[in-house]
Amino acid sequence: MSTISEIETDIYRINTPVTPPGLGGFSFNQYLIVDDAPLLFHTGPRKLFAEISEAVARIIPLQSLRFIGLSHFEGDECGSLNEFLAVATDAAPVCGQIAAMTSVGDVSDRAPHVLGDGETLTLGRHNLHWIDTPHLPHAWECGFLMETQTATLLCGDLFTQGGADNPALTEADILGPSEAFRRSLDYFSHAKNSRSMLERLAALNPRTLACMHGSAWRGDGASLLRGLADSLEED
């Protein structure tokens, strides 16, 4: 059963626990920003569309969605993109230029709203800045959205934590658990410029990190991102 938690004003974490073979507990998070033009970041896998869409509908009517965002092209990021577009007939996918060129422009049933590096998407009260982060942690087309009103970084697969019963929002350490998970199942591309990209994200001074797997986190996001950069360089 998907659970819903408001982690910042008008920003909701929708969490769906799963038990994939070999991983034990795991979870998928989607983040819904409620505004004049609501945005859902991550759709979850296609096979979980019924459950996840029901959770979204507990917050807003599905038909009111205007944007469906993704960090990069992967099943848990956008597996049910077209299913959401079918019920949210005024919605458009949101992605970076490379994702639109390589995948989304072809696979999506509706043309994407494409964001260039540093470009802003306005939802109403909330402004979202797109940051290109190729191969961080993986995929050429990868990028993240920074919501400026609440200083929330929608950071995709960064700080992925295992487990199916993590708290919705924590101020406890997630670097240690997420790095342990990374080392056991190395999903990073280890790009040569990972530190410079993490420094760029740190310079945004995020207060909340909206992680795709595990808990969202609140605290000094700049220090945590630099801590991740240090840890990656130790490998």
Protein backbone atom coordinates (compact mmCIF):
# COMPACT_ATOMS: atom_id res chain seq x y z
CA MET A 1 0.00 0.00 0.00
CA SER A 2 1.47 3.35 -1.03
CA THR A 3 1.78 5.91 1.74
CA ILE A 4 1.68 9.70 1.48
CA SER A 5 3.66 12.25 3.49
CA GLU A 6 3.95 16.00 3.06
CA ILE A 7 7.70 16.59 3.37
CA GLU A 8 7.55 20.33 2.57
CA THR A 9 4.65 22.70 2.03
CA ASP A 10 2.70 21.31 -0.96
CA ILE A 11 5.39 18.71 -1.71
CA TYR A 12 4.24 15.15 -1.12
CA ARG A 13 6.29 11.96 -1.01
CA ILE A 14 4.38 8.94 -2.29
CA ASN A 15 6.17 5.79 -1.17
CA THR A 16 5.56 2.26 -2.45
CA PRO A 17 7.45 -0.61 -0.76
CA VAL A 18 8.48 -3.67 -2.77
CA THR A 19 10.47 -6.86 -2.13
CA PRO A 20 12.66 -7.50 -5.20
CA PRO A 21 14.61 -10.79 -5.24
CA GLY A 22 18.06 -10.46 -3.71
CA LEU A 23 17.51 -6.99 -2.28
CA GLY A 24 15.11 -7.67 0.55
CA GLY A 25 13.07 -4.54 1.17
CA PHE A 26 13.17 -1.62 -1.24
CA SER A 27 10.91 1.29 -2.11
CA PHE A 28 9.98 3.71 -4.87
CA ASN A 29 9.22 7.37 -4.17
CA GLN A 30 7.32 9.78 -6.34
CA TYR A 31 7.12 13.47 -5.46
CA LEU A 32 4.01 15.50 -6.19
CA ILE A 33 4.20 19.30 -6.12
CA VAL A 34 0.71 20.77 -5.74
CA ASP A 35 0.38 24.16 -7.40
CA ASP A 36 -1.47 25.90 -10.20
CA ALA A 37 0.22 23.45 -12.58
CA PRO A 38 0.89 20.30 -10.49
CA LEU A 39 4.00 18.26 -11.25
CA LEU A 40 4.68 14.59 -10.50
CA PHE A 41 8.38 13.66 -10.43
CA HIS A 42 8.90 9.95 -11.21
CA THR A 43 5.95 7.75 -12.23
CA GLY A 44 7.12 4.49 -10.70
CA PRO A 45 7.21 1.23 -12.69
CA ARG A 46 4.41 0.53 -15.14
CA LYS A 47 3.21 -2.49 -13.13
CA LEU A 48 2.63 -0.23 -10.11
CA PHE A 49 0.58 2.35 -12.02
CA ALA A 50 -2.76 1.38 -10.45
CA GLU A 51 -1.43 1.67 -6.92
CA ILE A 52 0.62 4.82 -7.44
CA SER A 53 -2.04 6.65 -9.44
CA GLU A 54 -4.58 5.86 -6.73
CA ALA A 55 -2.26 7.49 -4.20
CA VAL A 56 -1.83 10.59 -6.38
CA ALA A 57 -5.62 10.77 -6.72
CA ARG A 58 -5.93 10.92 -2.93
CA ILE A 59 -4.16 14.29 -3.10
CA ILE A 60 -5.38 15.86 -6.35
CA PRO A 61 -7.54 14.73 -9.29
CA LEU A 62 -5.31 12.94 -11.78
CA GLN A 63 -6.77 15.08 -14.54
CA SER A 64 -5.26 18.21 -12.93
CA LEU A 65 -1.66 17.06 -13.47
CA ARG A 66 0.18 19.34 -15.88
CA PHE A 67 3.73 17.98 -15.78
CA ILE A 68 5.26 14.52 -15.31
CA GLY A 69 8.98 14.79 -14.72
CA LEU A 70 11.84 12.32 -14.82
CA SER A 71 15.52 12.45 -13.96
CA HIS A 72 16.55 9.91 -16.60
CA PHE A 73 14.96 7.23 -18.77
CA GLU A 74 14.42 4.12 -16.67
CA GLY A 75 11.43 1.97 -15.73
CA ASP A 76 11.00 3.30 -12.20
CA GLU A 77 11.42 6.88 -13.44
CA CYS A 78 8.89 6.81 -16.25
CA GLY A 79 7.57 3.26 -16.70
CA SER A 80 3.95 4.41 -16.53
CA LEU A 81 4.46 7.76 -18.25
CA ASN A 82 1.96 7.02 -21.01
CA GLU A 83 -0.57 5.62 -18.55
CA PHE A 84 -0.47 8.91 -16.62
CA LEU A 85 -0.69 10.91 -19.86
CA ALA A 86 -3.77 8.94 -20.85
CA VAL A 87 -5.68 10.08 -17.74
CA ALA A 88 -4.04 13.51 -17.37
CA THR A 89 -4.87 14.73 -20.85
CA ASP A 90 -3.40 18.22 -20.36
CA ALA A 91 -0.10 16.97 -18.92
CA ALA A 92 3.27 16.89 -20.66
CA PRO A 93 6.47 15.00 -19.84
CA VAL A 94 9.29 17.14 -18.44
CA CYS A 95 12.89 16.14 -19.11
CA GLY A 96 16.26 17.41 -20.22
CA GLN A 97 17.39 17.88 -23.80
CA ILE A 98 19.32 14.62 -24.06
CA ALA A 99 16.44 12.54 -22.67
CA ALA A 100 14.05 14.16 -25.16
CA MET A 101 16.43 13.44 -28.03
CA THR A 102 17.34 9.85 -27.14
CA SER A 103 14.18 8.38 -25.64
CA VAL A 104 11.29 10.49 -24.40
CA GLY A 105 10.54 12.21 -27.69
CA ASP A 106 10.08 8.78 -29.27
CA VAL A 107 8.45 6.75 -26.50
CA SER A 108 6.08 9.33 -25.04
CA ASP A 109 2.57 9.60 -26.45
CA ARG A 110 2.82 13.38 -26.02
CA ALA A 111 5.65 15.74 -26.91
CA PRO A 112 7.89 16.56 -23.91
CA HIS A 113 8.41 19.94 -22.33
CA VAL A 114 12.19 20.12 -22.70
CA LEU A 115 14.37 21.97 -20.20
CA GLY A 116 17.87 23.13 -20.98
CA ASP A 117 20.58 23.22 -18.33
CA GLY A 118 19.71 25.99 -15.86
CA GLU A 119 16.25 26.60 -17.34
CA THR A 120 13.30 27.30 -15.03
CA LEU A 121 9.85 25.72 -15.01
CA THR A 122 7.21 27.75 -13.17
CA LEU A 123 4.28 25.90 -11.61
CA GLY A 124 2.74 28.93 -9.91
CA ARG A 125 4.22 29.53 -6.46
CA HIS A 126 6.99 27.01 -7.11
CA ASN A 127 9.89 27.50 -9.50
CA LEU A 128 11.95 24.51 -10.58
CA HIS A 129 15.47 24.80 -12.04
CA TRP A 130 16.78 21.96 -14.20
CA ILE A 131 20.42 20.94 -13.68
CA ASP A 132 22.13 18.62 -16.16
CA THR A 133 24.09 15.89 -14.34
CA PRO A 134 25.18 13.43 -17.06
CA HIS A 135 26.14 10.03 -15.63
CA LEU A 136 25.52 11.17 -12.04
CA PRO A 137 24.78 8.64 -10.78
CA HIS A 138 24.08 7.06 -14.19
CA ALA A 139 22.61 7.73 -17.65
CA TRP A 140 23.85 10.32 -20.15
CA GLU A 141 20.53 12.16 -19.95
CA CYS A 142 20.41 12.42 -16.15
CA GLY A 143 19.43 15.66 -14.47
CA PHE A 144 17.67 16.99 -11.38
CA LEU A 145 15.14 19.67 -10.43
CA MET A 146 15.75 22.23 -7.68
CA GLU A 147 12.59 23.73 -6.16
CA THR A 148 13.56 27.17 -4.92
CA GLN A 149 10.68 28.12 -2.60
CA THR A 150 11.40 25.30 -0.16
CA ALA A 151 15.02 24.61 -1.22
CA THR A 152 14.08 21.03 -2.13
CA LEU A 153 16.37 19.14 -4.50
CA LEU A 154 14.57 16.38 -6.43
CA CYS A 155 17.72 14.30 -6.55
CA GLY A 156 16.61 11.05 -8.14
CA ASP A 157 18.89 8.08 -7.45
CA LEU A 158 21.41 9.99 -5.34
CA PHE A 159 21.51 8.69 -1.75
CA THR A 160 19.53 5.54 -2.59
CA GLN A 161 18.74 3.63 0.60
CA GLY A 162 17.60 0.04 0.83
CA GLY A 163 14.74 -1.12 3.01
CA ALA A 164 10.98 -0.90 2.72
CA ASP A 165 10.07 0.86 5.96
CA ASN A 166 12.23 3.99 6.04
CA PRO A 167 10.71 7.11 7.62
CA ALA A 168 9.25 9.57 5.15
CA LEU A 169 11.60 12.37 6.22
CA THR A 170 14.69 12.07 8.38
CA GLU A 171 17.51 14.21 9.71
CA ALA A 172 19.58 11.13 10.56
CA ASP A 173 22.58 9.97 8.53
CA ILE A 174 21.69 8.69 5.05
CA LEU A 175 25.17 8.95 3.55
CA GLY A 176 26.42 5.88 5.41
CA PRO A 177 23.45 3.64 4.50
CA SER A 178 23.31 4.89 0.91
CA GLU A 179 27.05 4.38 0.38
CA ALA A 180 26.81 0.88 1.84
CA PHE A 181 24.00 0.16 -0.63
CA ARG A 182 26.04 1.61 -3.52
CA ARG A 183 29.06 -0.50 -2.69
CA SER A 184 26.98 -3.68 -2.56
CA LEU A 185 25.23 -2.96 -5.87
CA ASP A 186 27.33 -0.43 -7.73
CA TYR A 187 24.91 1.58 -9.88
CA PHE A 188 27.15 4.65 -10.29
CA SER A 189 28.82 5.51 -13.59
CA HIS A 190 31.75 7.13 -11.71
CA ALA A 191 32.05 10.01 -14.15
CA LYS A 192 35.34 11.91 -14.00
CA ASN A 193 33.55 15.17 -13.21
CA SER A 194 31.28 13.80 -10.48
CA ARG A 195 32.77 16.12 -7.87
CA SER A 196 32.26 19.24 -9.96
CA MET A 197 28.63 18.29 -10.56
CA LEU A 198 28.08 17.57 -6.87
CA GLU A 199 29.73 20.90 -6.00
CA ARG A 200 27.34 22.63 -8.36
CA LEU A 201 24.39 20.98 -6.61
CA ALA A 202 25.87 21.86 -3.22
CA ALA A 203 26.11 25.52 -4.24
CA LEU A 204 22.30 25.55 -4.48
CA ASN A 205 22.20 24.98 -0.69
CA PRO A 206 19.32 22.53 -0.64
CA ARG A 207 17.56 22.07 2.68
CA THR A 208 15.57 18.98 1.71
CA LEU A 209 16.75 16.12 -0.50
CA ALA A 210 13.87 14.28 -2.16
CA CYS A 211 15.48 10.88 -2.73
CA MET A 212 13.83 8.39 -5.04
CA HIS A 213 14.54 5.37 -2.85
CA GLY A 214 14.35 5.43 0.95
CA SER A 215 13.81 8.45 3.16
CA ALA A 216 13.75 12.06 2.09
CA TRP A 217 16.30 14.01 4.13
CA ARG A 218 16.39 17.44 5.77
CA GLY A 219 19.48 19.33 6.89
CA ASP A 220 22.62 20.88 5.44
CA GLY A 221 22.32 19.49 1.93
CA ALA A 222 25.50 21.17 0.73
CA SER A 223 27.59 19.32 3.32
CA LEU A 224 25.91 16.01 2.54
CA LEU A 225 26.52 16.37 -1.20
CA ARG A 226 30.19 17.23 -0.58
CA GLY A 227 30.40 14.22 1.73
CA LEU A 228 29.17 12.05 -1.13
CA ALA A 229 31.83 13.55 -3.41
CA ASP A 230 34.52 12.71 -0.82
CA SER A 231 33.23 9.15 -0.48
CA LEU A 232 33.19 8.57 -4.24
CA GLU A 233 36.80 9.72 -4.48
CA GLU A 234 37.86 7.24 -1.80
CA ASP A 235 36.89 4.25 -3.99
